[in-house]
Amino acid sequence: MAVHGVESTRPIAVIQPRARISKEDDFLPMFPKKSIDGVKHSLEEGVFVVCGIIVGLVDGCDFSYLACKSHWKVIPDSGSYYCNNCCKHVYQVLPRYNF
């Protein structure tokens, strides 16, 4: 600052970049943690962080499918998807999981 003709006896703080919190660190502490078995046998309603270990996958079985907003399975058709339940073509689909 003295270069620009401004004299000061006060120290100038160095501004550090803001620390970024990961999505996991931001989300996980907000909700109680439960195992899959704990959620299945719980009478408590709410949002939980589910902790589980995948021990294997079933061969020949699709564990997910694409669905429209009504949660019905869609069929790829001419650059979009067709929903038999809604009887129309949809462009926004969501993955759904078979558990």
Protein backbone atom coordinates (compact mmCIF):
# COMPACT_ATOMS: atom_id res chain seq x y z
CA MET A 1 0.00 0.00 0.00
CA ALA A 2 2.93 2.29 0.62
CA VAL A 3 3.66 2.02 -3.09
CA HIS A 4 0.34 3.78 -3.74
CA GLY A 5 1.02 6.50 -1.18
CA VAL A 6 -1.06 5.00 1.65
CA GLU A 7 0.77 4.69 4.93
CA SER A 8 -0.63 2.46 7.68
CA THR A 9 0.63 0.98 10.91
CA ARG A 10 -2.18 -1.58 10.98
CA PRO A 11 -1.39 -5.09 9.77
CA ILE A 12 -3.31 -6.28 6.73
CA ALA A 13 -4.92 -9.67 7.08
CA VAL A 14 -4.26 -12.23 4.39
CA ILE A 15 -7.52 -13.60 3.05
CA GLN A 16 -7.44 -17.38 2.77
CA PRO A 17 -9.62 -19.33 0.35
CA ARG A 18 -12.77 -20.68 1.99
CA ALA A 19 -12.54 -24.27 3.10
CA ARG A 20 -14.90 -26.51 1.16
CA ILE A 21 -16.92 -29.11 3.00
CA SER A 22 -17.43 -32.35 1.13
CA LYS A 23 -20.98 -33.47 0.36
CA GLU A 24 -20.48 -36.44 2.68
CA ASP A 25 -19.33 -34.26 5.59
CA ASP A 26 -22.25 -31.92 4.97
CA PHE A 27 -24.96 -34.62 4.63
CA LEU A 28 -23.96 -37.53 6.87
CA PRO A 29 -24.03 -35.77 10.28
CA MET A 30 -27.58 -34.48 9.66
CA PHE A 31 -29.30 -37.88 10.05
CA PRO A 32 -28.94 -40.90 12.36
CA LYS A 33 -27.06 -43.91 10.97
CA LYS A 34 -28.72 -47.33 10.85
CA SER A 35 -27.95 -50.65 9.24
CA ILE A 36 -30.36 -52.05 6.67
CA ASP A 37 -31.58 -54.53 9.27
CA GLY A 38 -32.00 -51.66 11.74
CA VAL A 39 -34.23 -49.74 9.33
CA LYS A 40 -36.29 -52.85 8.50
CA HIS A 41 -37.03 -53.53 12.17
CA SER A 42 -37.39 -49.92 13.32
CA LEU A 43 -40.76 -48.45 14.26
CA GLU A 44 -39.28 -44.97 14.05
CA GLU A 45 -40.15 -42.87 11.00
CA GLY A 46 -37.63 -40.49 9.52
CA VAL A 47 -34.64 -40.03 7.25
CA PHE A 48 -31.64 -42.24 7.96
CA VAL A 49 -28.18 -42.75 6.55
CA VAL A 50 -28.14 -46.45 5.69
CA CYS A 51 -24.86 -48.27 6.15
CA GLY A 52 -24.45 -51.60 4.42
CA ILE A 53 -21.93 -53.90 2.83
CA ILE A 54 -22.60 -55.51 -0.55
CA VAL A 55 -21.60 -59.15 -0.30
CA GLY A 56 -22.64 -60.22 -3.80
CA LEU A 57 -24.85 -59.64 -6.81
CA VAL A 58 -27.32 -62.04 -8.37
CA ASP A 59 -26.22 -62.98 -11.90
CA GLY A 60 -28.81 -62.55 -14.63
CA CYS A 61 -30.98 -60.22 -12.57
CA ASP A 62 -31.23 -56.52 -13.33
CA PHE A 63 -31.16 -54.63 -10.08
CA SER A 64 -32.24 -51.34 -11.65
CA TYR A 65 -34.43 -50.01 -14.42
CA LEU A 66 -35.34 -46.64 -15.90
CA ALA A 67 -38.71 -45.19 -14.93
CA CYS A 68 -40.79 -42.10 -15.58
CA LYS A 69 -41.98 -39.75 -12.83
CA SER A 70 -44.88 -42.12 -12.11
CA HIS A 71 -42.24 -44.78 -11.21
CA TRP A 72 -43.31 -47.12 -14.02
CA LYS A 73 -40.71 -48.83 -16.20
CA VAL A 74 -40.12 -47.12 -19.55
CA ILE A 75 -39.12 -48.58 -22.92
CA PRO A 76 -36.54 -46.88 -25.18
CA ASP A 77 -38.32 -45.58 -28.30
CA SER A 78 -37.13 -43.21 -31.06
CA GLY A 79 -34.69 -41.15 -29.00
CA SER A 80 -37.01 -40.90 -26.00
CA TYR A 81 -38.76 -43.37 -23.71
CA TYR A 82 -42.33 -44.65 -23.74
CA CYS A 83 -44.32 -45.24 -20.55
CA ASN A 84 -47.17 -47.74 -20.90
CA ASN A 85 -48.75 -46.47 -17.67
CA CYS A 86 -48.82 -42.82 -18.75
CA CYS A 87 -49.45 -43.74 -22.43
CA LYS A 88 -46.95 -41.16 -23.66
CA HIS A 89 -43.32 -40.53 -24.54
CA VAL A 90 -41.19 -39.11 -21.75
CA TYR A 91 -37.78 -37.47 -21.85
CA GLN A 92 -36.92 -37.33 -18.16
CA VAL A 93 -36.31 -40.72 -16.59
CA LEU A 94 -35.01 -41.82 -13.21
CA PRO A 95 -33.16 -44.98 -12.17
CA ARG A 96 -35.28 -47.23 -9.93
CA TYR A 97 -33.92 -50.17 -7.98
CA ASN A 98 -35.32 -53.66 -7.37
CA PHE A 99 -34.67 -54.63 -3.77
